[in-house]
Each structure stands twice: as structure tokens, then as C-alpha cells.
């Protein structure tokens, strides 16, 4: 049954009221035609519950713009979603096309700062976000009384004489809901072991982010990256209005999970929606993504907070991880799966329920 407009609807009831189910929930594939974004293939998705977002098939199956009832959820960078042909892989050239959006995918063989490792140069955050997807598929289907829309595609990273990894991503929504599910399956399709570094760079901006916002997560330990972060470590969960010349702060959190590993994080602004509040949450499993990075950047124009589950301890460089035996690695033929849920907290009751869940995690329940 679909929950829409304050009541539940059976499949037959809905289909009698629409010419096509895409009137309520669906997806549309298109190609951008202007400026440096020309040629980028996008997929707009709408759930019928108020959540809309764009999957950027040409940009690693990233998620760009996202809105809830017209309210922006994600930060959009000054570069916008430029075509992947403009990728500059050396050092910090990645930033020239960092579109922001609800999700930027960092990986697959590198995430974090640029480094030369074993004779190979790895630029900031790897190539995944600049890799166009193959085998793009958009599908809508019924399962009993429930209607779903799925967008899926695959990206591959590899070279001659080098490891080869392939990521298959499936993004699913359900009619009437205000959440999306990401299921990533990464396979080593080559014949030599390969590092696998994967960071989910989730970028939340105004008005979710403001001086009235807070970060809520079950953090039992916070490690600042550098002196800039150390200066703000006691207020990592709070935010200011945009500041001139603000220097980014990065924190590495150790999170608490349930017995099966489930954990969460959210940014909430209680002043939105006429005082009911509005927030964005993520749920994932620590057995798949055991580490968490917070990027706090409250500068003018670059006004964003990144909440970023990852499979690697990125407080260390790629080389340091290898030396300490901490570098995640896939053997030939090996496969790993990563699951995330990203959703909207749309009223006071949902926000309070999320807070209670985090409090229970912190108490070890």
C-alpha cells in the first residue's frame, strides 16, 4: 500500500485515477545541452511523497540536486555538474569539477588527499565521480501493492597492466516515501589484488545547513585532522552563518552501532517547515563502512557540511594504510556490497524519533 496525501492507497485505486503511474512516481532520462555540462546524462526521479533528485549517470551515478517539497537539501558547487571530459586527475584538479550534490562518489582505488604510492600518482578522491556509467537502466515495477522505481548502472576503473574494479550501483525508491536506497556491488574483475577505497561524500547545504542546524550522530570518539579542526572540535556538531575566509575543518569519528552494525547520522534544522523542522539522515552498516568523516565548511559560497561513511581509515594516507595493514583490498574475483539509506526527516515527531534512536545507541542498547 502507498501512503499518499494522508492516507493509504491500493494499487487498483491509484491506477484508476492516473493515465500513467509516472504522474505520481517515476523517472526521466535526458541529456544536458548547454555549456560545460553538455552531454551529461541525467535521470530525474520523483517519489510522489515530496522527494525529488537527479542521478548523474555520466558522473559515476552520483546524485546531484535533491529537494523535498521544493526545499533544497544538497549543496551545489560553483562548478556545477560539468562533463567528465573536463576531469583533471593530477593533485587537486578534482575540485574543478566537484559538483557537490547529495552524493559524490570517491574511489574506487583511491580516496583522500593526492599521493604518489608505489610509483603511481593518485589525485584527490579518485576517478569514480568522473566515470560515465555503462548499462544504464531505469525501471518502474509493482511488487504486490507497492510501486518502485530503480536506476542502475556500472562504472569501471582499470588500466592495462593494472587492477580492474567494477562498481554496479542500484538506486531504488518506493512510491510515497521520502527516502532512497543505494546498493553498490564492487567486484575485482581483474587478475591481481586491488585496493578498494570508497567514500560516500554526502553534501548538505542551505537551508538544511544554517546557524540553527545541528549534526546528530552516535559518536564516541572524535579526532580532528589538523590544527584548524582542533580549534573547532568542541563544536563539531554546531554551525555558524557563512564566515569570510573560513578554513575547512575535518573530523574523523568513531561511531556506535546496533548489535548488527547499523548506525546513522543526520543534519537537522528545527526552524524549517513552520517550526516542524527538516533534516536529512543516512543509515548504513559499520560492518560494510566502519569509518566516518565529517567535512565542515561554513565559508561564504562554500557553505556545506559533508557527512561521509567510508570503508577506510582516511586519517591515514594510502601508503600508511598499506604499511599498517589497513588498506582495504579485493582479491581477484572477490566482491563486496555496500548499502546506504538516505532520507528526509520532515516533522518534529520524526526528528524526535531519530534523536531517541541515537540516544539509545549511545547507551549501548
Protein backbone atom coordinates (compact mmCIF):
# COMPACT_ATOMS: atom_id res chain seq x y z
CA UNK A 1 0.00 0.00 0.00
CA UNK A 2 1.23 3.50 -0.85
CA UNK A 3 0.94 6.25 1.74
CA UNK A 4 -0.02 9.39 -0.20
CA UNK A 5 -1.84 12.59 0.73
CA UNK A 6 -2.52 11.49 4.28
CA UNK A 7 -3.95 8.01 3.59
CA UNK A 8 -3.09 4.59 2.22
CA UNK A 9 -3.95 3.70 -1.38
CA UNK A 10 -4.28 0.30 -3.00
CA UNK A 11 -2.73 -0.29 -6.43
CA UNK A 12 -6.14 -0.55 -8.13
CA UNK A 13 -7.35 2.70 -6.53
CA UNK A 14 -4.34 4.61 -7.80
CA UNK A 15 -4.35 3.20 -11.31
CA UNK A 16 -7.98 4.23 -11.73
CA UNK A 17 -7.01 7.83 -11.01
CA UNK A 18 -3.99 8.30 -13.34
CA UNK A 19 -3.22 7.81 -17.00
CA UNK A 20 0.23 6.54 -16.11
CA UNK A 21 1.81 5.88 -12.73
CA UNK A 22 4.59 8.36 -13.59
CA UNK A 23 2.01 11.04 -12.77
CA UNK A 24 2.83 10.16 -9.15
CA UNK A 25 6.22 8.41 -9.10
CA UNK A 26 8.74 7.87 -11.85
CA UNK A 27 11.99 8.73 -13.58
CA UNK A 28 13.02 10.57 -16.74
CA UNK A 29 16.29 10.20 -18.65
CA UNK A 30 17.69 13.21 -20.50
CA UNK A 31 20.90 14.82 -21.74
CA UNK A 32 22.12 18.29 -20.80
CA UNK A 33 22.81 20.53 -23.80
CA UNK A 34 24.45 23.73 -22.58
CA UNK A 35 27.92 24.85 -21.53
CA UNK A 36 30.47 22.52 -19.90
CA UNK A 37 27.62 20.20 -18.83
CA UNK A 38 26.75 19.44 -22.46
CA UNK A 39 26.49 15.69 -22.96
CA UNK A 40 25.90 14.80 -19.29
CA UNK A 41 23.16 12.19 -18.99
CA UNK A 42 20.85 12.71 -16.03
CA UNK A 43 17.90 10.83 -14.57
CA UNK A 44 15.31 12.82 -12.63
CA UNK A 45 13.47 10.75 -10.01
CA UNK A 46 10.34 11.69 -8.08
CA UNK A 47 8.69 9.59 -5.35
CA UNK A 48 5.28 11.20 -5.00
CA UNK A 49 5.97 11.93 -1.35
CA UNK A 50 7.84 15.18 -1.97
CA UNK A 51 11.38 13.89 -2.55
CA UNK A 52 12.96 14.55 -5.96
CA UNK A 53 16.57 14.06 -7.03
CA UNK A 54 18.82 13.70 -10.07
CA UNK A 55 21.08 10.74 -10.77
CA UNK A 56 24.08 11.83 -12.85
CA UNK A 57 24.76 8.76 -14.98
CA UNK A 58 27.71 10.48 -16.68
CA UNK A 59 29.26 11.29 -13.32
CA UNK A 60 29.71 7.91 -11.69
CA UNK A 61 25.99 7.50 -10.86
CA UNK A 62 26.37 10.38 -8.39
CA UNK A 63 23.26 12.12 -7.07
CA UNK A 64 23.17 15.83 -7.89
CA UNK A 65 20.32 18.15 -6.96
CA UNK A 66 17.85 16.88 -4.35
CA UNK A 67 14.76 18.59 -2.95
CA UNK A 68 11.91 17.94 -0.58
CA UNK A 69 8.72 19.79 -1.49
CA UNK A 70 10.84 22.33 -3.32
CA UNK A 71 13.31 22.85 -0.45
CA UNK A 72 16.94 22.26 -1.45
CA UNK A 73 18.66 19.51 0.51
CA UNK A 74 22.09 19.40 -1.11
CA UNK A 75 24.83 21.96 -1.67
CA UNK A 76 25.57 22.82 -5.30
CA UNK A 77 29.13 23.88 -6.03
CA UNK A 78 30.24 26.76 -8.29
CA UNK A 79 31.48 24.28 -10.91
CA UNK A 80 28.06 22.63 -11.39
CA UNK A 81 27.91 19.16 -12.93
CA UNK A 82 30.42 19.56 -15.76
CA UNK A 83 31.09 16.84 -18.31
CA UNK A 84 33.63 14.18 -17.22
CA UNK A 85 35.84 15.04 -20.21
CA UNK A 86 36.97 18.07 -18.18
CA UNK A 87 38.46 15.85 -15.46
CA UNK A 88 41.90 16.95 -14.26
CA UNK A 89 43.33 13.92 -12.44
CA UNK A 90 46.53 15.50 -11.12
CA UNK A 91 46.68 16.57 -7.48
CA UNK A 92 43.68 18.79 -6.61
CA UNK A 93 42.31 19.12 -10.16
CA UNK A 94 39.33 17.01 -8.99
CA UNK A 95 37.97 20.17 -7.34
CA UNK A 96 37.49 21.88 -10.73
CA UNK A 97 34.52 19.61 -11.36
CA UNK A 98 33.37 18.77 -7.83
CA UNK A 99 29.65 19.41 -8.33
CA UNK A 100 28.67 18.74 -4.73
CA UNK A 101 25.15 17.36 -4.87
CA UNK A 102 23.55 14.92 -2.49
CA UNK A 103 26.23 12.31 -3.22
CA UNK A 104 29.66 12.48 -4.83
CA UNK A 105 31.33 9.09 -5.14
CA UNK A 106 35.02 8.98 -4.16
CA UNK A 107 37.07 5.94 -5.17
CA UNK A 108 37.40 3.30 -6.43
CA UNK A 109 41.13 2.75 -5.92
CA UNK A 110 41.79 5.99 -4.06
CA UNK A 111 40.04 8.42 -1.73
CA UNK A 112 41.55 11.25 0.24
CA UNK A 113 44.38 13.65 -0.48
CA UNK A 114 46.66 13.28 -3.54
CA UNK A 115 49.58 10.91 -3.11
CA UNK A 116 52.29 9.10 -5.04
CA UNK A 117 52.09 5.47 -3.98
CA UNK A 118 54.16 2.62 -5.41
CA UNK A 119 55.18 4.75 -8.37
CA UNK A 120 51.63 5.81 -9.29
CA UNK A 121 50.10 9.27 -8.79
CA UNK A 122 46.61 9.34 -7.31
CA UNK A 123 44.79 12.65 -7.41
CA UNK A 124 42.27 13.85 -4.85
CA UNK A 125 39.40 11.38 -4.26
CA UNK A 126 39.99 9.19 -7.29
CA UNK A 127 38.22 8.77 -10.63
CA UNK A 128 34.78 7.36 -9.77
CA UNK A 129 32.86 10.64 -9.89
CA UNK A 130 34.25 11.37 -13.38
CA UNK A 131 33.49 7.96 -14.87
CA UNK A 132 30.37 7.66 -17.08
CA UNK A 133 28.14 4.69 -16.28
CA UNK A 134 27.55 1.86 -18.70
CA UNK A 135 24.46 -0.37 -18.94
CA UNK A 136 22.21 2.42 -17.63
CA UNK A 137 18.77 1.08 -16.81
CA UNK A 138 15.68 2.87 -15.49
CA UNK A 139 12.78 0.71 -14.40
CA UNK A 140 9.42 1.04 -12.67
CA UNK A 141 7.67 -2.04 -11.31
CA UNK A 142 4.99 -3.26 -8.92
CA UNK A 143 5.61 -5.74 -6.11
CA UNK A 144 2.15 -6.55 -4.87
CA UNK A 145 0.56 -3.28 -3.75
CA UNK A 146 3.87 -1.35 -3.73
CA UNK A 147 5.38 0.54 -6.66
CA UNK A 148 9.14 1.05 -7.03
CA UNK A 149 11.47 2.94 -9.34
CA UNK A 150 15.08 1.79 -9.80
CA UNK A 151 18.02 3.42 -11.57
CA UNK A 152 21.13 1.35 -12.09
CA UNK A 153 24.41 1.41 -13.96
CA UNK A 154 28.04 0.30 -13.74
CA UNK A 155 31.38 2.08 -13.71
CA UNK A 156 34.80 0.52 -14.18
CA UNK A 157 38.27 1.62 -13.13
CA UNK A 158 41.33 -0.05 -14.53
CA UNK A 159 44.23 0.11 -16.95
CA UNK A 160 46.45 -2.22 -18.95
CA UNK A 161 48.91 -3.95 -16.58
CA UNK A 162 46.84 -2.70 -13.59
CA UNK A 163 43.99 -3.93 -11.38
CA UNK A 164 40.42 -3.61 -12.65
CA UNK A 165 37.43 -2.87 -10.41
CA UNK A 166 33.78 -2.59 -11.40
CA UNK A 167 31.04 -0.95 -9.35
CA UNK A 168 27.40 -1.69 -10.03
CA UNK A 169 25.03 0.81 -8.39
CA UNK A 170 21.29 0.41 -7.93
CA UNK A 171 19.27 3.33 -6.52
CA UNK A 172 15.71 2.48 -5.51
CA UNK A 173 12.71 4.48 -4.26
CA UNK A 174 9.19 3.46 -3.26
CA UNK A 175 6.04 5.36 -4.19
CA UNK A 176 5.01 7.74 -1.41
CA UNK A 177 8.25 7.55 0.58
CA UNK A 178 10.87 10.24 1.16
CA UNK A 179 13.97 8.09 1.18
CA UNK A 180 16.21 6.34 -1.31
CA UNK A 181 18.27 3.19 -1.10
CA UNK A 182 21.73 2.75 -2.62
CA UNK A 183 23.17 -0.71 -3.17
CA UNK A 184 26.71 -0.79 -4.51
CA UNK A 185 28.43 -4.02 -5.52
CA UNK A 186 32.15 -3.77 -6.24
CA UNK A 187 33.89 -6.67 -7.98
CA UNK A 188 37.54 -7.24 -8.77
CA UNK A 189 37.17 -8.42 -12.37
CA UNK A 190 40.93 -8.42 -12.97
CA UNK A 191 43.61 -10.96 -12.13
CA UNK A 192 45.58 -9.19 -9.43
CA UNK A 193 44.68 -7.85 -5.97
CA UNK A 194 43.38 -4.29 -5.92
CA UNK A 195 42.96 -1.69 -3.19
CA UNK A 196 39.34 -0.63 -2.73
CA UNK A 197 38.77 2.80 -1.19
CA UNK A 198 35.20 4.05 -1.21
CA UNK A 199 33.93 7.28 0.37
CA UNK A 200 30.30 8.42 0.16
CA UNK A 201 30.66 12.22 0.08
CA UNK A 202 27.15 13.39 1.07
CA UNK A 203 26.95 17.19 0.83
CA UNK A 204 24.21 19.07 2.68
CA UNK A 205 23.68 22.79 2.21
CA UNK A 206 21.35 25.72 2.91
CA UNK A 207 18.66 25.71 4.23
CA UNK A 208 19.25 22.29 5.83
CA UNK A 209 22.55 23.84 6.91
CA UNK A 210 22.31 27.12 8.83
CA UNK A 211 23.25 28.62 12.17
CA UNK A 212 20.13 26.88 13.52
CA UNK A 213 21.28 23.41 12.44
CA UNK A 214 22.99 20.59 14.28
CA UNK A 215 24.72 17.35 13.42
CA UNK A 216 23.29 14.35 15.28
CA UNK A 217 25.20 11.07 15.32
CA UNK A 218 26.30 8.40 17.81
CA UNK A 219 29.95 9.46 18.03
CA UNK A 220 32.06 8.01 20.85
CA UNK A 221 35.34 9.46 19.67
CA UNK A 222 36.26 12.48 17.52
CA UNK A 223 39.70 13.03 16.03
CA UNK A 224 40.48 16.40 14.37
CA UNK A 225 42.54 16.22 11.20
CA UNK A 226 44.75 19.25 11.81
CA UNK A 227 45.09 22.44 13.92
CA UNK A 228 42.16 24.11 12.09
CA UNK A 229 39.89 21.22 13.05
CA UNK A 230 41.35 21.01 16.55
CA UNK A 231 40.27 24.60 17.15
CA UNK A 232 36.65 23.64 16.45
CA UNK A 233 36.49 20.10 17.80
CA UNK A 234 34.31 21.03 20.78
CA UNK A 235 31.64 22.42 18.46
CA UNK A 236 31.83 19.97 15.57
CA UNK A 237 28.05 19.45 15.84
CA UNK A 238 27.15 23.16 15.63
CA UNK A 239 27.23 25.59 12.72
CA UNK A 240 27.61 29.33 12.18
CA UNK A 241 26.37 31.67 9.44
CA UNK A 242 28.74 31.86 6.44
CA UNK A 243 32.13 33.20 7.54
CA UNK A 244 34.71 35.06 5.42
CA UNK A 245 37.99 33.19 4.97
CA UNK A 246 36.75 30.14 6.87
CA UNK A 247 39.24 27.25 6.80
CA UNK A 248 37.70 23.82 6.38
CA UNK A 249 37.56 21.51 9.38
CA UNK A 250 37.66 17.73 9.00
CA UNK A 251 36.85 15.30 11.81
CA UNK A 252 37.21 11.52 11.94
CA UNK A 253 34.50 9.91 14.07
CA UNK A 254 34.28 6.51 15.69
CA UNK A 255 30.57 5.68 15.74
CA UNK A 256 28.45 3.33 17.81
CA UNK A 257 26.12 0.88 16.09
CA UNK A 258 23.49 -1.67 16.95
CA UNK A 259 24.43 -5.30 17.54
CA UNK A 260 24.13 -5.97 13.83
CA UNK A 261 26.22 -2.88 12.98
CA UNK A 262 23.53 -0.38 11.93
CA UNK A 263 24.36 3.27 12.55
CA UNK A 264 23.27 6.70 11.38
CA UNK A 265 23.91 10.44 11.09
CA UNK A 266 21.72 13.45 10.34
CA UNK A 267 21.80 17.21 9.93
CA UNK A 268 18.63 18.88 11.20
CA UNK A 269 17.32 22.43 11.07
CA UNK A 270 14.43 22.75 13.54
CA UNK A 271 13.38 26.21 12.30
CA UNK A 272 12.21 24.99 8.88
CA UNK A 273 8.72 23.89 7.82
CA UNK A 274 6.97 26.37 10.12
CA UNK A 275 8.81 25.09 13.17
CA UNK A 276 8.24 21.40 12.49
CA UNK A 277 11.87 21.07 11.43
CA UNK A 278 13.54 19.43 8.43
CA UNK A 279 16.58 17.22 8.21
CA UNK A 280 18.47 14.70 6.09
CA UNK A 281 19.62 11.40 7.57
CA UNK A 282 21.75 8.50 6.41
CA UNK A 283 21.67 4.91 7.64
CA UNK A 284 24.34 2.31 6.92
CA UNK A 285 26.15 -0.66 8.46
CA UNK A 286 29.51 -0.44 10.20
CA UNK A 287 30.38 -3.93 9.01
CA UNK A 288 30.42 -2.55 5.46
CA UNK A 289 31.53 1.05 6.10
CA UNK A 290 33.26 1.15 9.50
CA UNK A 291 34.66 4.69 9.31
CA UNK A 292 33.07 8.15 9.18
CA UNK A 293 34.40 11.54 8.08
CA UNK A 294 32.80 14.92 8.74
CA UNK A 295 33.66 17.84 6.48
CA UNK A 296 32.66 21.18 7.97
CA UNK A 297 33.00 24.08 5.56
CA UNK A 298 30.97 27.14 6.57
CA UNK A 299 32.63 29.69 4.32
CA UNK A 300 30.99 32.23 2.05
CA UNK A 301 29.68 30.43 -1.03
CA UNK A 302 31.26 27.15 0.05
CA UNK A 303 28.68 26.66 2.80
CA UNK A 304 28.34 22.92 3.24
CA UNK A 305 28.67 20.03 5.64
CA UNK A 306 29.80 16.64 4.38
CA UNK A 307 28.67 13.51 6.22
CA UNK A 308 30.76 10.71 4.77
CA UNK A 309 30.72 6.99 5.53
CA UNK A 310 33.78 5.18 4.20
CA UNK A 311 35.39 1.75 4.23
CA UNK A 312 38.88 3.08 5.00
CA UNK A 313 40.60 4.94 7.88
CA UNK A 314 41.27 8.10 5.87
CA UNK A 315 43.11 9.81 8.70
CA UNK A 316 45.99 7.82 7.20
CA UNK A 317 47.38 8.13 3.69
CA UNK A 318 47.11 5.29 1.20
CA UNK A 319 50.76 4.46 1.81
CA UNK A 320 50.38 4.49 5.60
CA UNK A 321 47.34 2.22 5.36
CA UNK A 322 49.33 -0.29 3.32
CA UNK A 323 52.28 -0.16 5.71
CA UNK A 324 50.00 -0.74 8.71
CA UNK A 325 47.95 -3.49 7.06
CA UNK A 326 44.84 -1.29 6.98
CA UNK A 327 44.39 -0.85 3.22
CA UNK A 328 41.08 -2.46 2.09
CA UNK A 329 41.87 -4.87 -0.72
CA UNK A 330 39.85 -7.05 -3.09
CA UNK A 331 41.34 -10.29 -4.36
CA UNK A 332 40.70 -11.39 -7.98
CA UNK A 333 37.06 -12.38 -8.31
CA UNK A 334 36.19 -11.06 -4.86
CA UNK A 335 33.09 -8.93 -4.41
CA UNK A 336 31.84 -6.55 -1.69
CA UNK A 337 28.48 -4.89 -1.23
CA UNK A 338 27.69 -1.54 0.40
CA UNK A 339 24.22 -0.32 1.36
CA UNK A 340 23.02 3.15 2.34
CA UNK A 341 19.67 4.72 3.03
CA UNK A 342 19.31 8.49 2.61
CA UNK A 343 16.07 10.11 3.65
CA UNK A 344 14.20 13.13 4.91
CA UNK A 345 13.11 13.88 8.47
CA UNK A 346 10.09 16.02 7.70
CA UNK A 347 8.48 16.85 11.05
CA UNK A 348 9.02 17.11 14.79
CA UNK A 349 7.92 13.55 15.51
CA UNK A 350 10.38 12.04 13.01
CA UNK A 351 13.21 14.22 14.33
CA UNK A 352 12.46 13.24 17.93
CA UNK A 353 12.34 9.57 16.97
CA UNK A 354 15.74 9.86 15.29
CA UNK A 355 17.19 11.55 18.38
CA UNK A 356 15.87 8.74 20.56
CA UNK A 357 17.50 6.15 18.31
CA UNK A 358 20.87 7.92 18.55
CA UNK A 359 20.50 8.23 22.34
CA UNK A 360 19.80 4.51 22.59
CA UNK A 361 22.89 3.73 20.54
CA UNK A 362 25.00 5.88 22.84
CA UNK A 363 23.61 3.99 25.85
CA UNK A 364 24.54 0.69 24.24
CA UNK A 365 21.00 -0.53 23.58
